[in-house]
Amino acid sequence: MVGTMIMMAYAGAATVGALTALQMAAAFAINFAVSSIVTRVFGQNQQAPQDSGTRQQVPPSSVNAIPIVYGDAYLGGTFVDAVLSENQKAMYYVIAI
């Protein structure tokens, strides 16, 4: 938007349709530069991911079907359930092969 307004004022165009392809490309470049500057100034400063003390774990899937194979095939397992122990020191998984 800002780049289009700048290019319209520079070219003396009354409408956006009056701009040439080169002027529209320049407007895009201006918009990109302004967007980058605004993001750096007002964006959040993420320096490093915070360690919450737990390992990342994938939740069990409730939508994956258990495959039925007729004949010979190599299959991976499907996680059916997962439960955390009462002392929260161990996690147990149920995998269907």
PDB file of N, CA and C in Angstrom:
ATOM      1  N   MET A   1       0.820  -1.183   0.000  1.00  0.00           N
ATOM      2  CA  MET A   1       0.000   0.000   0.000  1.00  0.00           C
ATOM      3  C   MET A   1       0.871   1.257   0.000  1.00  0.00           C
ATOM      4  N   VAL A   2       1.848   1.291   0.888  1.00  0.00           N
ATOM      5  CA  VAL A   2       2.721   2.457   0.966  1.00  0.00           C
ATOM      6  C   VAL A   2       3.521   2.603  -0.322  1.00  0.00           C
ATOM      7  N   GLY A   3       4.042   1.498  -0.824  1.00  0.00           N
ATOM      8  CA  GLY A   3       4.823   1.547  -2.054  1.00  0.00           C
ATOM      9  C   GLY A   3       3.988   1.985  -3.241  1.00  0.00           C
ATOM     10  N   THR A   4       2.736   1.552  -3.292  1.00  0.00           N
ATOM     11  CA  THR A   4       1.851   1.960  -4.384  1.00  0.00           C
ATOM     12  C   THR A   4       1.577   3.451  -4.328  1.00  0.00           C
ATOM     13  N   MET A   5       1.330   3.971  -3.132  1.00  0.00           N
ATOM     14  CA  MET A   5       1.080   5.412  -2.998  1.00  0.00           C
ATOM     15  C   MET A   5       2.324   6.215  -3.391  1.00  0.00           C
ATOM     16  N   ILE A   6       3.500   5.736  -2.990  1.00  0.00           N
ATOM     17  CA  ILE A   6       4.734   6.448  -3.342  1.00  0.00           C
ATOM     18  C   ILE A   6       4.939   6.441  -4.854  1.00  0.00           C
ATOM     19  N   MET A   7       4.723   5.291  -5.485  1.00  0.00           N
ATOM     20  CA  MET A   7       4.917   5.204  -6.942  1.00  0.00           C
ATOM     21  C   MET A   7       3.871   6.011  -7.701  1.00  0.00           C
ATOM     22  N   MET A   8       2.632   6.060  -7.188  1.00  0.00           N
ATOM     23  CA  MET A   8       1.604   6.869  -7.854  1.00  0.00           C
ATOM     24  C   MET A   8       1.960   8.354  -7.782  1.00  0.00           C
ATOM     25  N   ALA A   9       2.474   8.799  -6.628  1.00  0.00           N
ATOM     26  CA  ALA A   9       2.871  10.206  -6.493  1.00  0.00           C
ATOM     27  C   ALA A   9       4.083  10.503  -7.375  1.00  0.00           C
ATOM     28  N   TYR A  10       5.026   9.566  -7.449  1.00  0.00           N
ATOM     29  CA  TYR A  10       6.228   9.759  -8.260  1.00  0.00           C
ATOM     30  C   TYR A  10       5.884   9.817  -9.748  1.00  0.00           C
ATOM     31  N   ALA A  11       4.994   8.914 -10.192  1.00  0.00           N
ATOM     32  CA  ALA A  11       4.663   8.837 -11.612  1.00  0.00           C
ATOM     33  C   ALA A  11       3.570   9.832 -12.000  1.00  0.00           C
ATOM     34  N   GLY A  12       2.911  10.438 -11.027  1.00  0.00           N
ATOM     35  CA  GLY A  12       1.827  11.362 -11.328  1.00  0.00           C
ATOM     36  C   GLY A  12       0.592  10.640 -11.826  1.00  0.00           C
ATOM     37  N   ALA A  13       0.422   9.385 -11.437  1.00  0.00           N
ATOM     38  CA  ALA A  13      -0.714   8.585 -11.893  1.00  0.00           C
ATOM     39  C   ALA A  13      -1.910   8.828 -10.985  1.00  0.00           C
ATOM     40  N   ALA A  14      -3.098   8.841 -11.585  1.00  0.00           N
ATOM     41  CA  ALA A  14      -4.321   9.064 -10.823  1.00  0.00           C
ATOM     42  C   ALA A  14      -4.884   7.751 -10.279  1.00  0.00           C
ATOM     43  N   THR A  15      -4.637   6.652 -10.975  1.00  0.00           N
ATOM     44  CA  THR A  15      -5.145   5.349 -10.540  1.00  0.00           C
ATOM     45  C   THR A  15      -4.014   4.330 -10.550  1.00  0.00           C
ATOM     46  N   VAL A  16      -4.258   3.223  -9.884  1.00  0.00           N
ATOM     47  CA  VAL A  16      -3.258   2.157  -9.837  1.00  0.00           C
ATOM     48  C   VAL A  16      -3.077   1.537 -11.223  1.00  0.00           C
ATOM     49  N   GLY A  17      -4.151   1.492 -12.014  1.00  0.00           N
ATOM     50  CA  GLY A  17      -4.078   0.914 -13.350  1.00  0.00           C
ATOM     51  C   GLY A  17      -3.190   1.696 -14.297  1.00  0.00           C
ATOM     52  N   ALA A  18      -2.897   2.954 -13.970  1.00  0.00           N
ATOM     53  CA  ALA A  18      -2.055   3.780 -14.838  1.00  0.00           C
ATOM     54  C   ALA A  18      -0.570   3.486 -14.655  1.00  0.00           C
ATOM     55  N   LEU A  19      -0.208   2.727 -13.627  1.00  0.00           N
ATOM     56  CA  LEU A  19       1.199   2.406 -13.389  1.00  0.00           C
ATOM     57  C   LEU A  19       1.670   1.329 -14.361  1.00  0.00           C
ATOM     58  N   THR A  20       2.917   1.418 -14.778  1.00  0.00           N
ATOM     59  CA  THR A  20       3.486   0.403 -15.665  1.00  0.00           C
ATOM     60  C   THR A  20       3.947  -0.791 -14.841  1.00  0.00           C
ATOM     61  N   ALA A  21       4.332  -1.846 -15.517  1.00  0.00           N
ATOM     62  CA  ALA A  21       4.791  -3.053 -14.830  1.00  0.00           C
ATOM     63  C   ALA A  21       6.061  -2.776 -14.030  1.00  0.00           C
ATOM     64  N   LEU A  22       6.944  -1.953 -14.554  1.00  0.00           N
ATOM     65  CA  LEU A  22       8.175  -1.622 -13.841  1.00  0.00           C
ATOM     66  C   LEU A  22       7.870  -0.826 -12.576  1.00  0.00           C
ATOM     67  N   GLN A  23       6.918   0.105 -12.678  1.00  0.00           N
ATOM     68  CA  GLN A  23       6.536   0.885 -11.502  1.00  0.00           C
ATOM     69  C   GLN A  23       5.842   0.011 -10.458  1.00  0.00           C
ATOM     70  N   MET A  24       5.043  -0.971 -10.904  1.00  0.00           N
ATOM     71  CA  MET A  24       4.399  -1.890  -9.967  1.00  0.00           C
ATOM     72  C   MET A  24       5.444  -2.764  -9.269  1.00  0.00           C
ATOM     73  N   ALA A  25       6.502  -3.182  -9.997  1.00  0.00           N
ATOM     74  CA  ALA A  25       7.577  -3.958  -9.395  1.00  0.00           C
ATOM     75  C   ALA A  25       8.319  -3.119  -8.356  1.00  0.00           C
ATOM     76  N   ALA A  26       8.526  -1.843  -8.650  1.00  0.00           N
ATOM     77  CA  ALA A  26       9.179  -0.947  -7.685  1.00  0.00           C
ATOM     78  C   ALA A  26       8.293  -0.765  -6.457  1.00  0.00           C
ATOM     79  N   ALA A  27       6.975  -0.669  -6.653  1.00  0.00           N
ATOM     80  CA  ALA A  27       6.052  -0.542  -5.522  1.00  0.00           C
ATOM     81  C   ALA A  27       6.104  -1.790  -4.652  1.00  0.00           C
ATOM     82  N   PHE A  28       6.196  -2.963  -5.282  1.00  0.00           N
ATOM     83  CA  PHE A  28       6.318  -4.216  -4.527  1.00  0.00           C
ATOM     84  C   PHE A  28       7.603  -4.216  -3.699  1.00  0.00           C
ATOM     85  N   ALA A  29       8.709  -3.784  -4.292  1.00  0.00           N
ATOM     86  CA  ALA A  29       9.989  -3.753  -3.574  1.00  0.00           C
ATOM     87  C   ALA A  29       9.921  -2.790  -2.387  1.00  0.00           C
ATOM     88  N   ILE A  30       9.271  -1.649  -2.567  1.00  0.00           N
ATOM     89  CA  ILE A  30       9.123  -0.689  -1.470  1.00  0.00           C
ATOM     90  C   ILE A  30       8.273  -1.297  -0.358  1.00  0.00           C
ATOM     91  N   ASN A  31       7.160  -1.933  -0.726  1.00  0.00           N
ATOM     92  CA  ASN A  31       6.301  -2.578   0.270  1.00  0.00           C
ATOM     93  C   ASN A  31       7.054  -3.661   1.042  1.00  0.00           C
ATOM     94  N   PHE A  32       7.877  -4.430   0.345  1.00  0.00           N
ATOM     95  CA  PHE A  32       8.657  -5.485   0.995  1.00  0.00           C
ATOM     96  C   PHE A  32       9.656  -4.882   1.989  1.00  0.00           C
ATOM     97  N   ALA A  33      10.331  -3.819   1.591  1.00  0.00           N
ATOM     98  CA  ALA A  33      11.311  -3.172   2.475  1.00  0.00           C
ATOM     99  C   ALA A  33      10.637  -2.582   3.710  1.00  0.00           C
ATOM    100  N   VAL A  34       9.508  -1.916   3.510  1.00  0.00           N
ATOM    101  CA  VAL A  34       8.785  -1.332   4.645  1.00  0.00           C
ATOM    102  C   VAL A  34       8.295  -2.433   5.582  1.00  0.00           C
ATOM    103  N   SER A  35       7.805  -3.526   5.035  1.00  0.00           N
ATOM    104  CA  SER A  35       7.334  -4.646   5.852  1.00  0.00           C
ATOM    105  C   SER A  35       8.476  -5.248   6.678  1.00  0.00           C
ATOM    106  N   SER A  36       9.645  -5.392   6.070  1.00  0.00           N
ATOM    107  CA  SER A  36      10.798  -5.940   6.792  1.00  0.00           C
ATOM    108  C   SER A  36      11.219  -5.027   7.937  1.00  0.00           C
ATOM    109  N   ILE A  37      11.229  -3.742   7.687  1.00  0.00           N
ATOM    110  CA  ILE A  37      11.628  -2.781   8.723  1.00  0.00           C
ATOM    111  C   ILE A  37      10.634  -2.786   9.874  1.00  0.00           C
ATOM    112  N   VAL A  38       9.343  -2.776   9.571  1.00  0.00           N
ATOM    113  CA  VAL A  38       8.315  -2.775  10.614  1.00  0.00           C
ATOM    114  C   VAL A  38       8.382  -4.065  11.428  1.00  0.00           C
ATOM    115  N   THR A  39       8.626  -5.194  10.777  1.00  0.00           N
ATOM    116  CA  THR A  39       8.728  -6.467  11.489  1.00  0.00           C
ATOM    117  C   THR A  39       9.919  -6.475  12.437  1.00  0.00           C
ATOM    118  N   ARG A  40      11.042  -5.933  12.015  1.00  0.00           N
ATOM    119  CA  ARG A  40      12.228  -5.898  12.886  1.00  0.00           C
ATOM    120  C   ARG A  40      12.037  -4.960  14.067  1.00  0.00           C
ATOM    121  N   VAL A  41      11.364  -3.841  13.840  1.00  0.00           N
ATOM    122  CA  VAL A  41      11.190  -2.861  14.913  1.00  0.00           C
ATOM    123  C   VAL A  41      10.159  -3.334  15.932  1.00  0.00           C
ATOM    124  N   PHE A  42       9.024  -3.831  15.470  1.00  0.00           N
ATOM    125  CA  PHE A  42       7.930  -4.152  16.364  1.00  0.00           C
ATOM    126  C   PHE A  42       7.753  -5.638  16.639  1.00  0.00           C
ATOM    127  N   GLY A  43       8.523  -6.499  15.987  1.00  0.00           N
ATOM    128  CA  GLY A  43       8.385  -7.941  16.174  1.00  0.00           C
ATOM    129  C   GLY A  43       8.971  -8.403  17.489  1.00  0.00           C
ATOM    130  N   GLN A  44       8.586  -9.612  17.886  1.00  0.00           N
ATOM    131  CA  GLN A  44       9.116 -10.183  19.114  1.00  0.00           C
ATOM    132  C   GLN A  44      10.544 -10.644  18.885  1.00  0.00           C
ATOM    133  N   ASN A  45      11.361 -10.494  19.893  1.00  0.00           N
ATOM    134  CA  ASN A  45      12.752 -10.902  19.816  1.00  0.00           C
ATOM    135  C   ASN A  45      12.882 -12.309  20.382  1.00  0.00           C
ATOM    136  N   GLN A  46      12.920 -13.307  19.505  1.00  0.00           N
ATOM    137  CA  GLN A  46      13.057 -14.687  19.937  1.00  0.00           C
ATOM    138  C   GLN A  46      14.518 -15.096  19.783  1.00  0.00           C
ATOM    139  N   GLN A  47      15.204 -15.213  20.910  1.00  0.00           N
ATOM    140  CA  GLN A  47      16.620 -15.512  20.842  1.00  0.00           C
ATOM    141  C   GLN A  47      16.883 -17.010  20.791  1.00  0.00           C
ATOM    142  N   ALA A  48      16.211 -17.774  21.626  1.00  0.00           N
ATOM    143  CA  ALA A  48      16.414 -19.218  21.650  1.00  0.00           C
ATOM    144  C   ALA A  48      15.155 -19.870  22.196  1.00  0.00           C
ATOM    145  N   PRO A  49      14.881 -21.074  21.767  1.00  0.00           N
ATOM    146  CA  PRO A  49      13.713 -21.749  22.331  1.00  0.00           C
ATOM    147  C   PRO A  49      13.934 -22.043  23.808  1.00  0.00           C
ATOM    148  N   GLN A  50      12.882 -21.838  24.589  1.00  0.00           N
ATOM    149  CA  GLN A  50      13.003 -22.060  26.022  1.00  0.00           C
ATOM    150  C   GLN A  50      12.821 -23.532  26.336  1.00  0.00           C
ATOM    151  N   ASP A  51      13.644 -24.029  27.246  1.00  0.00           N
ATOM    152  CA  ASP A  51      13.561 -25.413  27.662  1.00  0.00           C
ATOM    153  C   ASP A  51      12.619 -25.490  28.858  1.00  0.00           C
ATOM    154  N   SER A  52      11.496 -26.169  28.670  1.00  0.00           N
ATOM    155  CA  SER A  52      10.535 -26.285  29.763  1.00  0.00           C
ATOM    156  C   SER A  52      10.837 -27.477  30.666  1.00  0.00           C
ATOM    157  N   GLY A  53      11.903 -28.210  30.384  1.00  0.00           N
ATOM    158  CA  GLY A  53      12.290 -29.333  31.221  1.00  0.00           C
ATOM    159  C   GLY A  53      11.647 -30.645  30.821  1.00  0.00           C
ATOM    160  N   THR A  54      10.870 -30.640  29.757  1.00  0.00           N
ATOM    161  CA  THR A  54      10.233 -31.878  29.304  1.00  0.00           C
ATOM    162  C   THR A  54      10.636 -32.164  27.875  1.00  0.00           C
ATOM    163  N   ARG A  55      10.546 -33.420  27.508  1.00  0.00           N
ATOM    164  CA  ARG A  55      10.829 -33.809  26.141  1.00  0.00           C
ATOM    165  C   ARG A  55       9.588 -33.604  25.282  1.00  0.00           C
ATOM    166  N   GLN A  56       9.801 -33.275  24.035  1.00  0.00           N
ATOM    167  CA  GLN A  56       8.688 -33.154  23.108  1.00  0.00           C
ATOM    168  C   GLN A  56       8.157 -34.548  22.810  1.00  0.00           C
ATOM    169  N   GLN A  57       6.850 -34.702  22.895  1.00  0.00           N
ATOM    170  CA  GLN A  57       6.261 -36.005  22.637  1.00  0.00           C
ATOM    171  C   GLN A  57       5.091 -35.839  21.693  1.00  0.00           C
ATOM    172  N   VAL A  58       4.923 -36.799  20.837  1.00  0.00           N
ATOM    173  CA  VAL A  58       3.822 -36.791  19.888  1.00  0.00           C
ATOM    174  C   VAL A  58       2.629 -37.467  20.550  1.00  0.00           C
ATOM    175  N   PRO A  59       1.464 -36.833  20.544  1.00  0.00           N
ATOM    176  CA  PRO A  59       0.310 -37.472  21.165  1.00  0.00           C
ATOM    177  C   PRO A  59      -0.158 -38.673  20.349  1.00  0.00           C
ATOM    178  N   PRO A  60      -0.817 -39.607  20.986  1.00  0.00           N
ATOM    179  CA  PRO A  60      -1.314 -40.753  20.230  1.00  0.00           C
ATOM    180  C   PRO A  60      -2.394 -40.313  19.257  1.00  0.00           C
ATOM    181  N   SER A  61      -2.456 -40.965  18.134  1.00  0.00           N
ATOM    182  CA  SER A  61      -3.427 -40.606  17.112  1.00  0.00           C
ATOM    183  C   SER A  61      -4.718 -41.380  17.330  1.00  0.00           C
ATOM    184  N   SER A  62      -5.827 -40.688  17.297  1.00  0.00           N
ATOM    185  CA  SER A  62      -7.124 -41.349  17.452  1.00  0.00           C
ATOM    186  C   SER A  62      -7.811 -41.566  16.112  1.00  0.00           C
ATOM    187  N   VAL A  63      -7.194 -41.144  15.028  1.00  0.00           N
ATOM    188  CA  VAL A  63      -7.824 -41.274  13.720  1.00  0.00           C
ATOM    189  C   VAL A  63      -7.122 -42.273  12.797  1.00  0.00           C
ATOM    190  N   ASN A  64      -5.932 -42.717  13.145  1.00  0.00           N
ATOM    191  CA  ASN A  64      -5.225 -43.673  12.291  1.00  0.00           C
ATOM    192  C   ASN A  64      -5.854 -45.052  12.434  1.00  0.00           C
ATOM    193  N   ALA A  65      -6.160 -45.649  11.325  1.00  0.00           N
ATOM    194  CA  ALA A  65      -6.712 -46.999  11.342  1.00  0.00           C
ATOM    195  C   ALA A  65      -5.580 -48.008  11.431  1.00  0.00           C
ATOM    196  N   ILE A  66      -5.869 -49.146  12.028  1.00  0.00           N
ATOM    197  CA  ILE A  66      -4.888 -50.222  12.090  1.00  0.00           C
ATOM    198  C   ILE A  66      -4.979 -50.980  10.779  1.00  0.00           C
ATOM    199  N   PRO A  67      -3.875 -51.096  10.041  1.00  0.00           N
ATOM    200  CA  PRO A  67      -3.948 -51.741   8.730  1.00  0.00           C
ATOM    201  C   PRO A  67      -4.142 -53.249   8.840  1.00  0.00           C
ATOM    202  N   ILE A  68      -4.863 -53.786   7.887  1.00  0.00           N
ATOM    203  CA  ILE A  68      -5.038 -55.233   7.756  1.00  0.00           C
ATOM    204  C   ILE A  68      -4.329 -55.635   6.474  1.00  0.00           C
ATOM    205  N   VAL A  69      -3.415 -56.591   6.592  1.00  0.00           N
ATOM    206  CA  VAL A  69      -2.597 -56.988   5.449  1.00  0.00           C
ATOM    207  C   VAL A  69      -2.951 -58.402   5.067  1.00  0.00           C
ATOM    208  N   TYR A  70      -3.203 -58.610   3.786  1.00  0.00           N
ATOM    209  CA  TYR A  70      -3.412 -59.945   3.242  1.00  0.00           C
ATOM    210  C   TYR A  70      -2.166 -60.288   2.436  1.00  0.00           C
ATOM    211  N   GLY A  71      -1.387 -61.237   2.893  1.00  0.00           N
ATOM    212  CA  GLY A  71      -0.151 -61.572   2.212  1.00  0.00           C
ATOM    213  C   GLY A  71       1.040 -61.093   3.022  1.00  0.00           C
ATOM    214  N   ASP A  72       2.137 -60.761   2.360  1.00  0.00           N
ATOM    215  CA  ASP A  72       3.361 -60.309   3.013  1.00  0.00           C
ATOM    216  C   ASP A  72       3.522 -58.812   2.828  1.00  0.00           C
ATOM    217  N   ALA A  73       3.884 -58.125   3.910  1.00  0.00           N
ATOM    218  CA  ALA A  73       4.115 -56.681   3.832  1.00  0.00           C
ATOM    219  C   ALA A  73       4.936 -56.255   5.047  1.00  0.00           C
ATOM    220  N   TYR A  74       5.648 -55.158   4.896  1.00  0.00           N
ATOM    221  CA  TYR A  74       6.379 -54.550   6.001  1.00  0.00           C
ATOM    222  C   TYR A  74       5.594 -53.316   6.440  1.00  0.00           C
ATOM    223  N   LEU A  75       5.246 -53.266   7.712  1.00  0.00           N
ATOM    224  CA  LEU A  75       4.445 -52.167   8.233  1.00  0.00           C
ATOM    225  C   LEU A  75       5.122 -51.556   9.439  1.00  0.00           C
ATOM    226  N   GLY A  76       4.879 -50.280   9.637  1.00  0.00           N
ATOM    227  CA  GLY A  76       5.303 -49.622  10.850  1.00  0.00           C
ATOM    228  C   GLY A  76       4.167 -49.694  11.861  1.00  0.00           C
ATOM    229  N   GLY A  77       4.437 -49.383  13.091  1.00  0.00           N
ATOM    230  CA  GLY A  77       3.414 -49.435  14.117  1.00  0.00           C
ATOM    231  C   GLY A  77       2.574 -48.164  14.149  1.00  0.00           C
ATOM    232  N   THR A  78       1.406 -48.279  14.777  1.00  0.00           N
ATOM    233  CA  THR A  78       0.517 -47.134  14.968  1.00  0.00           C
ATOM    234  C   THR A  78       0.327 -46.940  16.464  1.00  0.00           C
ATOM    235  N   PHE A  79       0.599 -45.740  16.968  1.00  0.00           N
ATOM    236  CA  PHE A  79       0.391 -45.459  18.379  1.00  0.00           C
ATOM    237  C   PHE A  79      -1.103 -45.425  18.664  1.00  0.00           C
ATOM    238  N   VAL A  80      -1.525 -46.248  19.604  1.00  0.00           N
ATOM    239  CA  VAL A  80      -2.935 -46.353  19.933  1.00  0.00           C
ATOM    240  C   VAL A  80      -3.246 -45.581  21.207  1.00  0.00           C
ATOM    241  N   ASP A  81      -2.353 -45.648  22.214  1.00  0.00           N
ATOM    242  CA  ASP A  81      -2.617 -44.987  23.481  1.00  0.00           C
ATOM    243  C   ASP A  81      -1.294 -44.626  24.145  1.00  0.00           C
ATOM    244  N   ALA A  82      -1.349 -43.653  25.038  1.00  0.00           N
ATOM    245  CA  ALA A  82      -0.183 -43.266  25.827  1.00  0.00           C
ATOM    246  C   ALA A  82      -0.679 -42.840  27.203  1.00  0.00           C
ATOM    247  N   VAL A  83       0.063 -43.195  28.237  1.00  0.00           N
ATOM    248  CA  VAL A  83      -0.324 -42.842  29.598  1.00  0.00           C
ATOM    249  C   VAL A  83       0.931 -42.468  30.382  1.00  0.00           C
ATOM    250  N   LEU A  84       0.776 -41.495  31.261  1.00  0.00           N
ATOM    251  CA  LEU A  84       1.865 -41.027  32.109  1.00  0.00           C
ATOM    252  C   LEU A  84       1.721 -41.685  33.474  1.00  0.00           C
ATOM    253  N   SER A  85       2.829 -42.140  34.063  1.00  0.00           N
ATOM    254  CA  SER A  85       2.765 -42.777  35.380  1.00  0.00           C
ATOM    255  C   SER A  85       2.357 -41.751  36.433  1.00  0.00           C
ATOM    256  N   GLU A  86       1.936 -42.259  37.600  1.00  0.00           N
ATOM    257  CA  GLU A  86       1.435 -41.368  38.651  1.00  0.00           C
ATOM    258  C   GLU A  86       2.503 -40.423  39.176  1.00  0.00           C
ATOM    259  N   ASN A  87       3.757 -40.870  39.220  1.00  0.00           N
ATOM    260  CA  ASN A  87       4.828 -39.988  39.694  1.00  0.00           C
ATOM    261  C   ASN A  87       5.394 -39.114  38.573  1.00  0.00           C
ATOM    262  N   GLN A  88       4.828 -39.246  37.382  1.00  0.00           N
ATOM    263  CA  GLN A  88       5.204 -38.451  36.210  1.00  0.00           C
ATOM    264  C   GLN A  88       6.680 -38.599  35.842  1.00  0.00           C
ATOM    265  N   LYS A  89       7.193 -39.799  36.056  1.00  0.00           N
ATOM    266  CA  LYS A  89       8.584 -40.080  35.709  1.00  0.00           C
ATOM    267  C   LYS A  89       8.701 -40.960  34.474  1.00  0.00           C
ATOM    268  N   ALA A  90       7.630 -41.650  34.114  1.00  0.00           N
ATOM    269  CA  ALA A  90       7.683 -42.560  32.974  1.00  0.00           C
ATOM    270  C   ALA A  90       6.395 -42.439  32.162  1.00  0.00           C
ATOM    271  N   MET A  91       6.527 -42.649  30.876  1.00  0.00           N
ATOM    272  CA  MET A  91       5.371 -42.640  29.986  1.00  0.00           C
ATOM    273  C   MET A  91       5.345 -43.964  29.250  1.00  0.00           C
ATOM    274  N   TYR A  92       4.176 -44.567  29.200  1.00  0.00           N
ATOM    275  CA  TYR A  92       4.006 -45.852  28.556  1.00  0.00           C
ATOM    276  C   TYR A  92       3.145 -45.681  27.296  1.00  0.00           C
ATOM    277  N   TYR A  93       3.580 -46.327  26.229  1.00  0.00           N
ATOM    278  CA  TYR A  93       2.880 -46.244  24.956  1.00  0.00           C
ATOM    279  C   TYR A  93       2.333 -47.615  24.575  1.00  0.00           C
ATOM    280  N   VAL A  94       1.194 -47.613  23.910  1.00  0.00           N
ATOM    281  CA  VAL A  94       0.648 -48.829  23.328  1.00  0.00           C
ATOM    282  C   VAL A  94       0.745 -48.641  21.818  1.00  0.00           C
ATOM    283  N   ILE A  95       1.427 -49.572  21.164  1.00  0.00           N
ATOM    284  CA  ILE A  95       1.642 -49.479  19.728  1.00  0.00           C
ATOM    285  C   ILE A  95       1.092 -50.756  19.087  1.00  0.00           C
ATOM    286  N   ALA A  96       0.282 -50.575  18.062  1.00  0.00           N
ATOM    287  CA  ALA A  96      -0.273 -51.721  17.341  1.00  0.00           C
ATOM    288  C   ALA A  96       0.600 -51.988  16.116  1.00  0.00           C
ATOM    289  N   ILE A  97       1.056 -53.226  16.025  1.00  0.00           N
ATOM    290  CA  ILE A  97       1.919 -53.608  14.901  1.00  0.00           C
ATOM    291  C   ILE A  97       1.135 -54.480  13.950  1.00  0.00           C
TER     292      ILE A  97
END
